[in-house]
Amino acid sequence: MPWGLIIFDEAQWLPAPGNSLIANSLLAHVKIGLTATPLREDENIKSLIYMIGPQLYVGSWRKFVEMGYLANPKCIE
């Protein structure tokens, strides 16, 4: 029986051989992948479309701060 929702954090790691086996074996009505770094040295990031679907949203951390979802970072040196 499939899950209703699966959320993958650090989704850029899903295309790795062991991770992709697990991700592909999990059945769900909806799969969401979260990543702040949608890059891989092996160009295998395109596999994410197959595993969890197309990219739906891109946002900057500044926009999330403005929207109130993230705290404004303060760097103190």
C-alpha atoms as a PDB file:
ATOM      1  CA  MET A   1       0.000   0.000   0.000  1.00  0.00           C
ATOM      2  CA  PRO A   2       1.445   3.428  -0.908  1.00  0.00           C
ATOM      3  CA  TRP A   3       2.084   6.231   1.543  1.00  0.00           C
ATOM      4  CA  GLY A   4       0.032   9.387   1.193  1.00  0.00           C
ATOM      5  CA  LEU A   5       3.028  11.745   1.262  1.00  0.00           C
ATOM      6  CA  ILE A   6       6.798  11.302   1.386  1.00  0.00           C
ATOM      7  CA  ILE A   7       9.090  14.308   1.870  1.00  0.00           C
ATOM      8  CA  PHE A   8      12.762  13.875   1.000  1.00  0.00           C
ATOM      9  CA  ASP A   9      15.068  16.420   2.626  1.00  0.00           C
ATOM     10  CA  GLU A  10      18.457  16.979   0.958  1.00  0.00           C
ATOM     11  CA  ALA A  11      16.944  15.581  -2.244  1.00  0.00           C
ATOM     12  CA  GLN A  12      20.140  16.173  -4.226  1.00  0.00           C
ATOM     13  CA  TRP A  13      21.437  12.945  -2.643  1.00  0.00           C
ATOM     14  CA  LEU A  14      18.603  10.783  -4.012  1.00  0.00           C
ATOM     15  CA  PRO A  15      20.329   9.968  -7.341  1.00  0.00           C
ATOM     16  CA  ALA A  16      23.197   8.204  -5.506  1.00  0.00           C
ATOM     17  CA  PRO A  17      23.029   4.436  -6.180  1.00  0.00           C
ATOM     18  CA  GLY A  18      21.896   3.268  -2.736  1.00  0.00           C
ATOM     19  CA  ASN A  19      19.565   6.189  -2.194  1.00  0.00           C
ATOM     20  CA  SER A  20      17.883   5.841  -5.571  1.00  0.00           C
ATOM     21  CA  LEU A  21      17.035   2.204  -4.857  1.00  0.00           C
ATOM     22  CA  ILE A  22      15.279   3.237  -1.667  1.00  0.00           C
ATOM     23  CA  ALA A  23      13.568   6.289  -3.177  1.00  0.00           C
ATOM     24  CA  ASN A  24      12.294   4.316  -6.165  1.00  0.00           C
ATOM     25  CA  SER A  25      10.996   1.483  -3.994  1.00  0.00           C
ATOM     26  CA  LEU A  26       8.874   3.794  -1.825  1.00  0.00           C
ATOM     27  CA  LEU A  27       5.389   4.239  -3.214  1.00  0.00           C
ATOM     28  CA  ALA A  28       3.445   7.395  -2.443  1.00  0.00           C
ATOM     29  CA  HIS A  29       0.611   9.417  -3.894  1.00  0.00           C
ATOM     30  CA  VAL A  30       2.811  12.512  -3.538  1.00  0.00           C
ATOM     31  CA  LYS A  31       6.609  12.783  -3.273  1.00  0.00           C
ATOM     32  CA  ILE A  32       8.257  16.102  -2.435  1.00  0.00           C
ATOM     33  CA  GLY A  33      11.991  16.729  -2.580  1.00  0.00           C
ATOM     34  CA  LEU A  34      13.611  19.630  -0.751  1.00  0.00           C
ATOM     35  CA  THR A  35      17.098  20.916  -1.489  1.00  0.00           C
ATOM     36  CA  ALA A  36      18.988  24.166  -1.206  1.00  0.00           C
ATOM     37  CA  THR A  37      21.695  22.868  -3.552  1.00  0.00           C
ATOM     38  CA  PRO A  38      20.182  21.219  -6.648  1.00  0.00           C
ATOM     39  CA  LEU A  39      23.630  20.355  -8.008  1.00  0.00           C
ATOM     40  CA  ARG A  40      25.653  17.178  -8.411  1.00  0.00           C
ATOM     41  CA  GLU A  41      29.100  16.617  -9.890  1.00  0.00           C
ATOM     42  CA  ASP A  42      27.841  13.652 -11.908  1.00  0.00           C
ATOM     43  CA  GLU A  43      24.995  15.590 -13.594  1.00  0.00           C
ATOM     44  CA  ASN A  44      22.612  12.963 -12.225  1.00  0.00           C
ATOM     45  CA  ILE A  45      20.312  15.620 -10.784  1.00  0.00           C
ATOM     46  CA  LYS A  46      18.030  14.997 -13.776  1.00  0.00           C
ATOM     47  CA  SER A  47      17.134  11.652 -12.196  1.00  0.00           C
ATOM     48  CA  LEU A  48      15.120  13.574  -9.619  1.00  0.00           C
ATOM     49  CA  ILE A  49      12.452  14.282 -12.224  1.00  0.00           C
ATOM     50  CA  TYR A  50      11.940  10.537 -12.584  1.00  0.00           C
ATOM     51  CA  MET A  51      12.051   9.866  -8.837  1.00  0.00           C
ATOM     52  CA  ILE A  52       9.963  12.723  -7.445  1.00  0.00           C
ATOM     53  CA  GLY A  53       8.700  14.776 -10.383  1.00  0.00           C
ATOM     54  CA  PRO A  54       9.525  18.160 -11.892  1.00  0.00           C
ATOM     55  CA  GLN A  55      10.807  21.177 -10.009  1.00  0.00           C
ATOM     56  CA  LEU A  56       7.808  23.169  -8.846  1.00  0.00           C
ATOM     57  CA  TYR A  57       9.236  26.074  -6.897  1.00  0.00           C
ATOM     58  CA  VAL A  58      12.487  27.989  -6.611  1.00  0.00           C
ATOM     59  CA  GLY A  59      12.924  30.614  -3.942  1.00  0.00           C
ATOM     60  CA  SER A  60      15.724  32.546  -2.343  1.00  0.00           C
ATOM     61  CA  TRP A  61      16.327  32.611   1.374  1.00  0.00           C
ATOM     62  CA  ARG A  62      15.766  36.381   1.308  1.00  0.00           C
ATOM     63  CA  LYS A  63      12.267  35.876  -0.059  1.00  0.00           C
ATOM     64  CA  PHE A  64      11.519  33.333   2.679  1.00  0.00           C
ATOM     65  CA  VAL A  65      12.695  35.867   5.278  1.00  0.00           C
ATOM     66  CA  GLU A  66      10.427  38.520   3.757  1.00  0.00           C
ATOM     67  CA  MET A  67       7.505  36.078   3.802  1.00  0.00           C
ATOM     68  CA  GLY A  68       8.150  35.290   7.469  1.00  0.00           C
ATOM     69  CA  TYR A  69       9.091  31.624   6.954  1.00  0.00           C
ATOM     70  CA  LEU A  70      12.733  32.110   8.001  1.00  0.00           C
ATOM     71  CA  ALA A  71      14.384  34.323  10.585  1.00  0.00           C
ATOM     72  CA  ASN A  72      16.632  37.077   9.305  1.00  0.00           C
ATOM     73  CA  PRO A  73      20.197  35.807   9.816  1.00  0.00           C
ATOM     74  CA  LYS A  74      22.571  37.963  11.817  1.00  0.00           C
ATOM     75  CA  CYS A  75      26.293  37.421  11.383  1.00  0.00           C
ATOM     76  CA  ILE A  76      28.490  38.656  14.194  1.00  0.00           C
ATOM     77  CA  GLU A  77      32.240  38.679  13.795  1.00  0.00           C
END
